[in-house]
Amino acid sequence: MLVDDTPARAAMLEQALTDCGFQVICRMASAQGLMKQVAEHQPDVVIVDIESPDRDMLEHMTVLNQHLPKPVIMFAEQGDSNTIDRAIRAGVSAYVVDGLNPERVRSIVDVAVARFREFQALRNELQQTRTRLADRQVIDKAKALLIQHRQMDEDEAYHAMRKLAMDRSQKLVDVANDIVSVLGLLAPKSQRTRDQ
C-alpha cells in the first residue's frame, strides 16, 4: 500500500516498487482512512512517501500499529532526530531520509519487514510474560486464600486447585480466579469477625 500526496512522486515510487517485483495494491493521497484501507486490502507493507510527517500522520501510524500492525516504511525529506524518534515510536519500521533511491528499494523493504517481525516477536513475548505473571499472581492469591480458609499447606492448596482444574477441564488460572472470587468475599467478613 502506498500513501503519497504528490501524484508524480507516487508514480515514481510505484514504478521503483514494480521494478523490484512488488505490487502496489492500493494508492492513497493521505493517511485519512488508513485503518479501513489496510483492513480491506491487507497489504504486506505500508509505504508512506511524505515531505515531513505531521502529527495527524503519526497518529494514524500509531493507531495502525496498535490495531493492525504492519511493516511501515516512511520516505521523508525531513530527517531531524525528533521527527525520526516520533515516527519510530508511532510504529514506523524504517525511516528513510532524502528521498528514494530505486536501487535501494528492495533492501529497504527487506530490512523493514525483518525489523517489524523481530519487533512483533518481542512484543508477543512481552505480552506472554505479562500474562504469565498476572496468572501466577492470581494463582498465588488463590493458594493464600485456601491456606487461610481451608487450613491447607501450600502444596495441598496447589494440588487441590490442579485437581479442580482437571475435573472441570479448565485452566488453573480460571479455577484460581473462581477461588479468589468466592473466598475473597469471605476475607473481609472473617476479618470483621476476628475484630469483634
Protein backbone atom coordinates (compact mmCIF):
# COMPACT_ATOMS: atom_id res chain seq x y z
CA MET A 1 0.00 0.00 0.00
CA LEU A 2 1.39 3.38 -0.98
CA VAL A 3 0.47 6.66 0.76
CA ASP A 4 1.72 9.77 -1.07
CA ASP A 5 0.10 13.17 -1.51
CA THR A 6 2.15 14.03 -4.62
CA PRO A 7 0.99 12.11 -7.73
CA ALA A 8 4.29 12.46 -9.66
CA ARG A 9 6.37 11.28 -6.68
CA ALA A 10 3.90 8.44 -6.04
CA ALA A 11 4.18 7.31 -9.67
CA MET A 12 7.99 7.22 -9.40
CA LEU A 13 7.88 5.21 -6.19
CA GLU A 14 5.26 2.83 -7.59
CA GLN A 15 7.47 2.26 -10.65
CA ALA A 16 10.50 1.59 -8.46
CA LEU A 17 8.49 -0.89 -6.40
CA THR A 18 7.14 -2.60 -9.53
CA ASP A 19 10.67 -2.84 -10.96
CA CYS A 20 11.69 -4.67 -7.76
CA GLY A 21 8.85 -7.17 -8.15
CA PHE A 22 6.40 -5.61 -5.70
CA GLN A 23 2.75 -4.97 -6.47
CA VAL A 24 1.07 -1.79 -5.23
CA ILE A 25 -2.46 -2.91 -4.36
CA CYS A 26 -3.72 0.46 -3.14
CA ARG A 27 -2.57 4.04 -3.53
CA MET A 28 -3.81 6.75 -1.16
CA ALA A 29 -3.28 10.51 -1.26
CA SER A 30 -3.34 10.82 2.55
CA ALA A 31 -3.45 8.69 5.69
CA GLN A 32 -7.11 9.60 6.20
CA GLY A 33 -8.99 6.29 6.37
CA LEU A 34 -5.76 4.30 6.54
CA MET A 35 -7.08 1.74 9.04
CA LYS A 36 -10.09 0.98 6.86
CA GLN A 37 -7.98 0.59 3.73
CA VAL A 38 -5.42 -1.63 5.48
CA ALA A 39 -8.23 -3.81 6.88
CA GLU A 40 -9.80 -4.07 3.42
CA HIS A 41 -6.67 -4.66 1.31
CA GLN A 42 -4.42 -6.44 3.87
CA PRO A 43 -1.11 -5.19 2.40
CA ASP A 44 2.16 -6.85 3.38
CA VAL A 45 3.84 -3.44 3.76
CA VAL A 46 2.64 0.16 4.04
CA ILE A 47 4.90 2.73 2.35
CA VAL A 48 4.47 6.42 3.13
CA ASP A 49 6.22 8.99 0.93
CA ILE A 50 5.92 12.41 2.53
CA GLU A 51 7.85 15.61 2.88
CA SER A 52 7.57 15.60 6.67
CA PRO A 53 5.22 13.56 8.85
CA ASP A 54 2.85 15.81 10.77
CA ARG A 55 1.05 14.97 13.99
CA ASP A 56 -2.03 13.63 12.16
CA MET A 57 0.11 11.29 10.06
CA LEU A 58 1.91 9.98 13.15
CA GLU A 59 -1.40 9.49 14.97
CA HIS A 60 -2.65 7.38 12.05
CA MET A 61 0.57 5.34 12.24
CA THR A 62 0.14 4.85 16.00
CA VAL A 63 -3.47 3.65 15.62
CA LEU A 64 -2.46 1.33 12.79
CA ASN A 65 0.39 -0.08 14.89
CA GLN A 66 -1.94 -0.71 17.83
CA HIS A 67 -4.80 -2.35 15.93
CA LEU A 68 -3.48 -3.74 12.61
CA PRO A 69 0.31 -3.78 12.88
CA LYS A 70 2.11 -3.84 9.54
CA PRO A 71 5.65 -3.02 8.47
CA VAL A 72 5.64 0.72 7.68
CA ILE A 73 8.35 2.39 5.62
CA MET A 74 8.43 6.17 5.59
CA PHE A 75 10.34 8.10 2.93
CA ALA A 76 10.68 11.71 4.07
CA GLU A 77 12.62 14.86 3.37
CA GLN A 78 12.88 15.93 7.00
CA GLY A 79 15.41 13.95 8.99
CA ASP A 80 15.83 15.65 12.36
CA SER A 81 16.19 13.24 15.25
CA ASN A 82 12.99 14.39 16.98
CA THR A 83 10.85 13.63 13.91
CA ILE A 84 12.53 10.26 13.39
CA ASP A 85 12.09 9.38 17.06
CA ARG A 86 8.36 10.22 16.96
CA ALA A 87 7.92 8.20 13.75
CA ILE A 88 9.64 5.14 15.23
CA ARG A 89 7.53 5.41 18.41
CA ALA A 90 4.43 5.57 16.18
CA GLY A 91 5.37 2.20 14.69
CA VAL A 92 7.37 3.10 11.60
CA SER A 93 9.77 0.22 10.84
CA ALA A 94 12.11 2.17 8.54
CA TYR A 95 12.52 5.93 8.18
CA VAL A 96 14.43 6.89 5.04
CA VAL A 97 15.61 10.48 4.60
CA ASP A 98 16.42 12.31 1.35
CA GLY A 99 14.01 10.60 -0.95
CA LEU A 100 14.04 7.43 -2.92
CA ASN A 101 16.96 5.63 -4.48
CA PRO A 102 15.42 2.96 -6.76
CA GLU A 103 18.44 0.66 -6.33
CA ARG A 104 17.87 0.54 -2.57
CA VAL A 105 14.12 -0.13 -2.56
CA ARG A 106 14.38 -3.94 -2.28
CA SER A 107 16.87 -3.85 0.61
CA ILE A 108 14.89 -1.15 2.44
CA VAL A 109 11.69 -3.22 2.22
CA ASP A 110 13.52 -6.40 3.28
CA VAL A 111 15.12 -4.71 6.30
CA ALA A 112 11.84 -3.05 7.33
CA VAL A 113 9.94 -6.36 7.16
CA ALA A 114 12.67 -8.19 9.12
CA ARG A 115 12.76 -5.45 11.74
CA PHE A 116 8.97 -5.46 12.02
CA ARG A 117 8.88 -9.24 12.51
CA GLU A 118 11.56 -9.05 15.19
CA PHE A 119 9.69 -6.28 16.99
CA GLN A 120 6.40 -8.21 16.81
CA ALA A 121 8.11 -11.31 18.23
CA LEU A 122 9.46 -9.24 21.14
CA ARG A 123 6.07 -7.62 21.67
CA ASN A 124 4.35 -11.04 21.72
CA GLU A 125 6.96 -12.41 24.12
CA LEU A 126 6.48 -9.43 26.43
CA GLN A 127 2.70 -9.89 26.36
CA GLN A 128 3.03 -13.61 27.13
CA THR A 129 5.37 -12.83 30.02
CA ARG A 130 2.94 -10.26 31.42
CA THR A 131 0.08 -12.75 31.10
CA ARG A 132 2.07 -15.49 32.85
CA LEU A 133 3.00 -13.08 35.65
CA ALA A 134 -0.62 -11.98 36.10
CA ASP A 135 -1.74 -15.62 36.09
CA ARG A 136 0.92 -16.50 38.66
CA GLN A 137 -0.27 -13.68 40.93
CA VAL A 138 -3.89 -14.90 40.76
CA ILE A 139 -2.80 -18.50 41.46
CA ASP A 140 -0.69 -17.37 44.43
CA LYS A 141 -3.58 -15.31 45.79
CA ALA A 142 -5.94 -18.30 45.45
CA LYS A 143 -3.42 -20.54 47.24
CA ALA A 144 -3.12 -18.00 50.05
CA LEU A 145 -6.91 -17.89 50.42
CA LEU A 146 -7.12 -21.70 50.52
CA ILE A 147 -4.38 -21.80 53.13
CA GLN A 148 -6.21 -19.18 55.19
CA HIS A 149 -9.77 -20.53 54.86
CA ARG A 150 -9.26 -24.27 54.46
CA GLN A 151 -6.23 -24.72 56.72
CA MET A 152 -4.18 -26.27 53.90
CA ASP A 153 -0.46 -26.01 53.38
CA GLU A 154 0.87 -24.59 50.11
CA ASP A 155 1.29 -27.98 48.37
CA GLU A 156 -2.21 -29.11 49.38
CA ALA A 157 -3.71 -25.85 48.13
CA TYR A 158 -1.90 -26.13 44.79
CA HIS A 159 -2.85 -29.81 44.29
CA ALA A 160 -6.47 -29.07 45.21
CA MET A 161 -6.58 -26.34 42.56
CA ARG A 162 -4.91 -28.62 40.00
CA LYS A 163 -7.41 -31.41 40.68
CA LEU A 164 -10.33 -29.00 40.41
CA ALA A 165 -8.96 -27.65 37.12
CA MET A 166 -8.61 -31.18 35.73
CA ASP A 167 -12.09 -32.20 36.94
CA ARG A 168 -13.63 -29.13 35.32
CA SER A 169 -11.40 -29.22 32.20
CA GLN A 170 -10.38 -25.65 32.96
CA LYS A 171 -7.11 -23.79 33.09
CA LEU A 172 -5.52 -23.49 36.51
CA VAL A 173 -5.78 -19.69 36.37
CA ASP A 174 -9.55 -19.90 35.71
CA VAL A 175 -10.01 -22.08 38.81
CA ALA A 176 -7.81 -19.64 40.75
CA ASN A 177 -9.99 -16.73 39.60
CA ASP A 178 -13.10 -18.60 40.81
CA ILE A 179 -11.47 -19.26 44.19
CA VAL A 180 -10.43 -15.63 44.55
CA SER A 181 -13.98 -14.53 43.64
CA VAL A 182 -15.59 -16.80 46.23
CA LEU A 183 -13.08 -16.81 49.07
CA GLY A 184 -12.02 -13.22 48.50
CA LEU A 185 -15.51 -12.15 49.55
CA LEU A 186 -15.18 -14.13 52.76
CA ALA A 187 -11.91 -12.49 53.81
CA PRO A 188 -13.37 -9.14 54.92
CA LYS A 189 -16.22 -10.88 56.79
CA SER A 190 -13.89 -13.24 58.66
CA GLN A 191 -11.60 -10.30 59.38
CA ARG A 192 -14.57 -8.43 60.87
CA THR A 193 -15.48 -11.50 62.95
CA ARG A 194 -11.96 -11.67 64.37
CA ASP A 195 -12.03 -7.94 65.13
CA GLN A 196 -15.27 -8.14 67.17
